[in-house]
Structures are given as structure tokens and as C-alpha cells.
């Protein structure tokens, strides 16, 4: 079941390596943001969205990584 993405969210790539690069950048933004800030919350949501997409890709692999 696919989750709906917000209209302002860019589509995520279907390449695991590219997703890991995006994940690393989002973690850096989260870690640089002030605690309890909107920027930190947005980066945390992006990290979760990326991790879910990575999990989908890994489950679809033959054999699955997960």
C-alpha cells in the first residue's frame, strides 16, 4: 500500500544508493537544526519517508535484504 505524498514533497528516487545520499543529507539537516524547531521536525519526517522507501526497495529485491 503506497502512502500519499504531500504535493510539495518531491518524488523519491527508486535507487537505493541515491536514497542513502538523501538520507545522509536529511540527517545532517536534522542534526544542525535547533531542538523543537520546525526545521528539525521537517527533517525528521523526511528521514522517515526516505527510510520507508528504502525498506520497500529492499523487500522487493530478490532475495529481499530484509
PDB file of N, CA and C in Angstrom:
ATOM      1  N   UNK A   1       0.846  -1.175   0.000  1.00  0.00           N
ATOM      2  CA  UNK A   1       0.000   0.000   0.000  1.00  0.00           C
ATOM      3  C   UNK A   1       0.888   1.234   0.000  1.00  0.00           C
ATOM      4  N   UNK A   2       0.759   2.060  -0.997  1.00  0.00           N
ATOM      5  CA  UNK A   2       1.569   3.262  -1.117  1.00  0.00           C
ATOM      6  C   UNK A   2       0.965   4.373  -0.270  1.00  0.00           C
ATOM      7  N   UNK A   3       1.837   5.166   0.318  1.00  0.00           N
ATOM      8  CA  UNK A   3       1.355   6.302   1.090  1.00  0.00           C
ATOM      9  C   UNK A   3       1.319   7.519   0.181  1.00  0.00           C
ATOM     10  N   UNK A   4       0.333   8.347   0.390  1.00  0.00           N
ATOM     11  CA  UNK A   4       0.218   9.560  -0.412  1.00  0.00           C
ATOM     12  C   UNK A   4       1.265  10.557   0.057  1.00  0.00           C
ATOM     13  N   UNK A   5       1.882  11.199  -0.892  1.00  0.00           N
ATOM     14  CA  UNK A   5       2.858  12.215  -0.518  1.00  0.00           C
ATOM     15  C   UNK A   5       2.216  13.574  -0.668  1.00  0.00           C
ATOM     16  N   UNK A   6       2.704  14.516   0.083  1.00  0.00           N
ATOM     17  CA  UNK A   6       2.187  15.876   0.012  1.00  0.00           C
ATOM     18  C   UNK A   6       2.573  16.472  -1.329  1.00  0.00           C
ATOM     19  N   UNK A   7       1.779  17.411  -1.813  1.00  0.00           N
ATOM     20  CA  UNK A   7       2.028  17.983  -3.128  1.00  0.00           C
ATOM     21  C   UNK A   7       3.362  18.721  -3.204  1.00  0.00           C
ATOM     22  N   UNK A   8       3.863  19.218  -2.074  1.00  0.00           N
ATOM     23  CA  UNK A   8       5.128  19.955  -2.090  1.00  0.00           C
ATOM     24  C   UNK A   8       6.344  19.054  -1.882  1.00  0.00           C
ATOM     25  N   UNK A   9       6.117  17.755  -1.663  1.00  0.00           N
ATOM     26  CA  UNK A   9       7.224  16.817  -1.473  1.00  0.00           C
ATOM     27  C   UNK A   9       7.677  16.271  -2.826  1.00  0.00           C
ATOM     28  N   UNK A  10       8.965  16.315  -3.089  1.00  0.00           N
ATOM     29  CA  UNK A  10       9.443  15.738  -4.352  1.00  0.00           C
ATOM     30  C   UNK A  10       9.350  14.212  -4.311  1.00  0.00           C
ATOM     31  N   UNK A  11       9.183  13.631  -5.480  1.00  0.00           N
ATOM     32  CA  UNK A  11       9.165  12.166  -5.569  1.00  0.00           C
ATOM     33  C   UNK A  11      10.556  11.645  -5.214  1.00  0.00           C
ATOM     34  N   UNK A  12      10.590  10.520  -4.541  1.00  0.00           N
ATOM     35  CA  UNK A  12      11.869   9.919  -4.159  1.00  0.00           C
ATOM     36  C   UNK A  12      12.359   9.014  -5.274  1.00  0.00           C
ATOM     37  N   UNK A  13      13.673   8.938  -5.458  1.00  0.00           N
ATOM     38  CA  UNK A  13      14.214   8.040  -6.483  1.00  0.00           C
ATOM     39  C   UNK A  13      14.008   6.580  -6.089  1.00  0.00           C
ATOM     40  N   UNK A  14      14.028   5.691  -7.061  1.00  0.00           N
ATOM     41  CA  UNK A  14      13.895   4.257  -6.792  1.00  0.00           C
ATOM     42  C   UNK A  14      15.252   3.568  -6.743  1.00  0.00           C
ATOM     43  N   UNK A  15      16.289   4.342  -6.541  1.00  0.00           N
ATOM     44  CA  UNK A  15      17.644   3.836  -6.464  1.00  0.00           C
ATOM     45  C   UNK A  15      18.095   3.897  -5.004  1.00  0.00           C
ATOM     46  N   UNK A  16      18.421   2.751  -4.437  1.00  0.00           N
ATOM     47  CA  UNK A  16      18.784   2.677  -3.015  1.00  0.00           C
ATOM     48  C   UNK A  16      19.979   3.571  -2.687  1.00  0.00           C
ATOM     49  N   UNK A  17      20.996   3.576  -3.543  1.00  0.00           N
ATOM     50  CA  UNK A  17      22.183   4.400  -3.279  1.00  0.00           C
ATOM     51  C   UNK A  17      21.837   5.885  -3.257  1.00  0.00           C
ATOM     52  N   UNK A  18      20.980   6.324  -4.164  1.00  0.00           N
ATOM     53  CA  UNK A  18      20.563   7.730  -4.185  1.00  0.00           C
ATOM     54  C   UNK A  18      19.749   8.064  -2.936  1.00  0.00           C
ATOM     55  N   UNK A  19      18.933   7.126  -2.488  1.00  0.00           N
ATOM     56  CA  UNK A  19      18.160   7.338  -1.271  1.00  0.00           C
ATOM     57  C   UNK A  19      19.062   7.465  -0.049  1.00  0.00           C
ATOM     58  N   UNK A  20      20.133   6.692  -0.015  1.00  0.00           N
ATOM     59  CA  UNK A  20      21.060   6.781   1.115  1.00  0.00           C
ATOM     60  C   UNK A  20      21.750   8.141   1.157  1.00  0.00           C
ATOM     61  N   UNK A  21      22.032   8.713  -0.007  1.00  0.00           N
ATOM     62  CA  UNK A  21      22.617  10.058  -0.059  1.00  0.00           C
ATOM     63  C   UNK A  21      21.618  11.076   0.491  1.00  0.00           C
ATOM     64  N   UNK A  22      20.344  10.964   0.075  1.00  0.00           N
ATOM     65  CA  UNK A  22      19.309  11.864   0.582  1.00  0.00           C
ATOM     66  C   UNK A  22      19.124  11.691   2.090  1.00  0.00           C
ATOM     67  N   UNK A  23      19.199  10.455   2.552  1.00  0.00           N
ATOM     68  CA  UNK A  23      19.046  10.155   3.980  1.00  0.00           C
ATOM     69  C   UNK A  23      20.166  10.818   4.780  1.00  0.00           C
ATOM     70  N   UNK A  24      21.380  10.712   4.285  1.00  0.00           N
ATOM     71  CA  UNK A  24      22.528  11.318   4.969  1.00  0.00           C
ATOM     72  C   UNK A  24      22.363  12.841   5.047  1.00  0.00           C
ATOM     73  N   UNK A  25      21.902  13.465   3.958  1.00  0.00           N
ATOM     74  CA  UNK A  25      21.715  14.913   3.937  1.00  0.00           C
ATOM     75  C   UNK A  25      20.593  15.335   4.893  1.00  0.00           C
ATOM     76  N   UNK A  26      19.520  14.573   4.936  1.00  0.00           N
ATOM     77  CA  UNK A  26      18.410  14.890   5.838  1.00  0.00           C
ATOM     78  C   UNK A  26      18.838  14.752   7.293  1.00  0.00           C
ATOM     79  N   UNK A  27      19.646  13.740   7.589  1.00  0.00           N
ATOM     80  CA  UNK A  27      20.155  13.583   8.965  1.00  0.00           C
ATOM     81  C   UNK A  27      21.030  14.771   9.351  1.00  0.00           C
ATOM     82  N   UNK A  28      21.836  15.239   8.410  1.00  0.00           N
ATOM     83  CA  UNK A  28      22.699  16.396   8.697  1.00  0.00           C
ATOM     84  C   UNK A  28      21.854  17.639   8.970  1.00  0.00           C
ATOM     85  N   UNK A  29      20.772  17.843   8.189  1.00  0.00           N
ATOM     86  CA  UNK A  29      19.879  18.980   8.425  1.00  0.00           C
ATOM     87  C   UNK A  29      19.188  18.860   9.782  1.00  0.00           C
ATOM     88  N   UNK A  30      18.746  17.655  10.112  1.00  0.00           N
ATOM     89  CA  UNK A  30      18.095  17.443  11.409  1.00  0.00           C
ATOM     90  C   UNK A  30      19.060  17.740  12.543  1.00  0.00           C
ATOM     91  N   UNK A  31      20.270  17.221  12.433  1.00  0.00           N
ATOM     92  CA  UNK A  31      21.253  17.393  13.500  1.00  0.00           C
ATOM     93  C   UNK A  31      21.699  18.843  13.656  1.00  0.00           C
ATOM     94  N   UNK A  32      21.637  19.631  12.580  1.00  0.00           N
ATOM     95  CA  UNK A  32      22.051  21.035  12.639  1.00  0.00           C
ATOM     96  C   UNK A  32      20.923  21.940  13.137  1.00  0.00           C
ATOM     97  N   UNK A  33      19.689  21.471  13.095  1.00  0.00           N
ATOM     98  CA  UNK A  33      18.545  22.294  13.490  1.00  0.00           C
ATOM     99  C   UNK A  33      18.407  22.344  15.006  1.00  0.00           C
ATOM    100  N   UNK A  34      17.825  23.418  15.458  1.00  0.00           N
ATOM    101  CA  UNK A  34      17.583  23.582  16.897  1.00  0.00           C
ATOM    102  C   UNK A  34      16.527  22.590  17.365  1.00  0.00           C
ATOM    103  N   UNK A  35      16.681  22.154  18.609  1.00  0.00           N
ATOM    104  CA  UNK A  35      15.685  21.250  19.181  1.00  0.00           C
ATOM    105  C   UNK A  35      14.313  21.923  19.169  1.00  0.00           C
ATOM    106  N   UNK A  36      13.284  21.151  18.935  1.00  0.00           N
ATOM    107  CA  UNK A  36      11.890  21.597  18.912  1.00  0.00           C
ATOM    108  C   UNK A  36      11.592  22.629  17.826  1.00  0.00           C
ATOM    109  N   UNK A  37      12.448  22.734  16.800  1.00  0.00           N
ATOM    110  CA  UNK A  37      12.201  23.679  15.714  1.00  0.00           C
ATOM    111  C   UNK A  37      11.410  22.995  14.597  1.00  0.00           C
ATOM    112  N   UNK A  38      10.784  23.807  13.771  1.00  0.00           N
ATOM    113  CA  UNK A  38      10.046  23.280  12.614  1.00  0.00           C
ATOM    114  C   UNK A  38      11.000  22.616  11.628  1.00  0.00           C
ATOM    115  N   UNK A  39      12.204  23.167  11.500  1.00  0.00           N
ATOM    116  CA  UNK A  39      13.190  22.593  10.584  1.00  0.00           C
ATOM    117  C   UNK A  39      13.576  21.180  11.012  1.00  0.00           C
ATOM    118  N   UNK A  40      13.756  20.998  12.319  1.00  0.00           N
ATOM    119  CA  UNK A  40      14.118  19.668  12.837  1.00  0.00           C
ATOM    120  C   UNK A  40      12.965  18.686  12.626  1.00  0.00           C
ATOM    121  N   UNK A  41      11.748  19.124  12.854  1.00  0.00           N
ATOM    122  CA  UNK A  41      10.584  18.262  12.651  1.00  0.00           C
ATOM    123  C   UNK A  41      10.444  17.879  11.176  1.00  0.00           C
ATOM    124  N   UNK A  42      10.639  18.839  10.288  1.00  0.00           N
ATOM    125  CA  UNK A  42      10.525  18.558   8.858  1.00  0.00           C
ATOM    126  C   UNK A  42      11.606  17.574   8.407  1.00  0.00           C
ATOM    127  N   UNK A  43      12.817  17.751   8.886  1.00  0.00           N
ATOM    128  CA  UNK A  43      13.905  16.839   8.519  1.00  0.00           C
ATOM    129  C   UNK A  43      13.641  15.440   9.071  1.00  0.00           C
ATOM    130  N   UNK A  44      13.083  15.361  10.270  1.00  0.00           N
ATOM    131  CA  UNK A  44      12.765  14.060  10.863  1.00  0.00           C
ATOM    132  C   UNK A  44      11.695  13.342  10.050  1.00  0.00           C
ATOM    133  N   UNK A  45      10.683  14.075   9.587  1.00  0.00           N
ATOM    134  CA  UNK A  45       9.646  13.486   8.738  1.00  0.00           C
ATOM    135  C   UNK A  45      10.236  13.008   7.413  1.00  0.00           C
ATOM    136  N   UNK A  46      11.151  13.795   6.854  1.00  0.00           N
ATOM    137  CA  UNK A  46      11.785  13.403   5.597  1.00  0.00           C
ATOM    138  C   UNK A  46      12.615  12.131   5.782  1.00  0.00           C
ATOM    139  N   UNK A  47      13.324  12.034   6.887  1.00  0.00           N
ATOM    140  CA  UNK A  47      14.113  10.836   7.178  1.00  0.00           C
ATOM    141  C   UNK A  47      13.203   9.607   7.220  1.00  0.00           C
ATOM    142  N   UNK A  48      12.083   9.737   7.894  1.00  0.00           N
ATOM    143  CA  UNK A  48      11.146   8.614   7.983  1.00  0.00           C
ATOM    144  C   UNK A  48      10.625   8.224   6.608  1.00  0.00           C
ATOM    145  N   UNK A  49      10.266   9.214   5.798  1.00  0.00           N
ATOM    146  CA  UNK A  49       9.757   8.940   4.446  1.00  0.00           C
ATOM    147  C   UNK A  49      10.806   8.215   3.606  1.00  0.00           C
ATOM    148  N   UNK A  50      12.056   8.642   3.717  1.00  0.00           N
ATOM    149  CA  UNK A  50      13.148   8.010   2.966  1.00  0.00           C
ATOM    150  C   UNK A  50      13.364   6.582   3.456  1.00  0.00           C
ATOM    151  N   UNK A  51      13.355   6.387   4.774  1.00  0.00           N
ATOM    152  CA  UNK A  51      13.571   5.042   5.328  1.00  0.00           C
ATOM    153  C   UNK A  51      12.469   4.076   4.895  1.00  0.00           C
ATOM    154  N   UNK A  52      11.245   4.541   4.840  1.00  0.00           N
ATOM    155  CA  UNK A  52      10.147   3.690   4.375  1.00  0.00           C
ATOM    156  C   UNK A  52      10.352   3.308   2.924  1.00  0.00           C
ATOM    157  N   UNK A  53      10.786   4.249   2.114  1.00  0.00           N
ATOM    158  CA  UNK A  53      11.024   3.963   0.690  1.00  0.00           C
ATOM    159  C   UNK A  53      12.185   2.983   0.521  1.00  0.00           C
ATOM    160  N   UNK A  54      13.232   3.138   1.313  1.00  0.00           N
ATOM    161  CA  UNK A  54      14.358   2.195   1.263  1.00  0.00           C
ATOM    162  C   UNK A  54      13.872   0.797   1.633  1.00  0.00           C
ATOM    163  N   UNK A  55      13.046   0.695   2.662  1.00  0.00           N
ATOM    164  CA  UNK A  55      12.526  -0.615   3.083  1.00  0.00           C
ATOM    165  C   UNK A  55      11.706  -1.262   1.972  1.00  0.00           C
ATOM    166  N   UNK A  56      10.900  -0.477   1.274  1.00  0.00           N
ATOM    167  CA  UNK A  56      10.120  -1.027   0.147  1.00  0.00           C
ATOM    168  C   UNK A  56      11.041  -1.601  -0.924  1.00  0.00           C
ATOM    169  N   UNK A  57      12.090  -0.866  -1.233  1.00  0.00           N
ATOM    170  CA  UNK A  57      13.027  -1.322  -2.265  1.00  0.00           C
ATOM    171  C   UNK A  57      13.726  -2.597  -1.814  1.00  0.00           C
ATOM    172  N   UNK A  58      14.152  -2.640  -0.553  1.00  0.00           N
ATOM    173  CA  UNK A  58      14.856  -3.818  -0.051  1.00  0.00           C
ATOM    174  C   UNK A  58      13.952  -5.045   0.003  1.00  0.00           C
ATOM    175  N   UNK A  59      12.684  -4.865   0.324  1.00  0.00           N
ATOM    176  CA  UNK A  59      11.742  -6.010   0.340  1.00  0.00           C
ATOM    177  C   UNK A  59      11.496  -6.533  -1.068  1.00  0.00           C
ATOM    178  N   UNK A  60      11.567  -5.654  -2.058  1.00  0.00           N
ATOM    179  CA  UNK A  60      11.311  -6.050  -3.436  1.00  0.00           C
ATOM    180  C   UNK A  60      12.509  -6.734  -4.084  1.00  0.00           C
ATOM    181  N   UNK A  61      13.682  -6.662  -3.439  1.00  0.00           N
ATOM    182  CA  UNK A  61      14.880  -7.299  -4.001  1.00  0.00           C
ATOM    183  C   UNK A  61      14.745  -8.805  -3.982  1.00  0.00           C
ATOM    184  N   UNK A  62      15.462  -9.461  -4.852  1.00  0.00           N
ATOM    185  CA  UNK A  62      15.418 -10.919  -4.916  1.00  0.00           C
ATOM    186  C   UNK A  62      16.819 -11.465  -4.686  1.00  0.00           C
ATOM    187  N   UNK A  63      17.149 -12.015  -3.558  1.00  0.00           N
ATOM    188  CA  UNK A  63      16.327 -12.186  -2.354  1.00  0.00           C
ATOM    189  C   UNK A  63      16.226 -10.881  -1.597  1.00  0.00           C
ATOM    190  N   UNK A  64      15.162 -10.722  -0.797  1.00  0.00           N
ATOM    191  CA  UNK A  64      14.995  -9.482  -0.016  1.00  0.00           C
ATOM    192  C   UNK A  64      16.147  -9.282   0.957  1.00  0.00           C
ATOM    193  N   UNK A  65      16.529  -8.024   1.160  1.00  0.00           N
ATOM    194  CA  UNK A  65      17.572  -7.727   2.153  1.00  0.00           C
ATOM    195  C   UNK A  65      16.996  -7.772   3.554  1.00  0.00           C
ATOM    196  N   UNK A  66      15.685  -7.665   3.679  1.00  0.00           N
ATOM    197  CA  UNK A  66      15.049  -7.638   4.994  1.00  0.00           C
ATOM    198  C   UNK A  66      14.296  -8.923   5.217  1.00  0.00           C
TER     199      UNK A  66
END
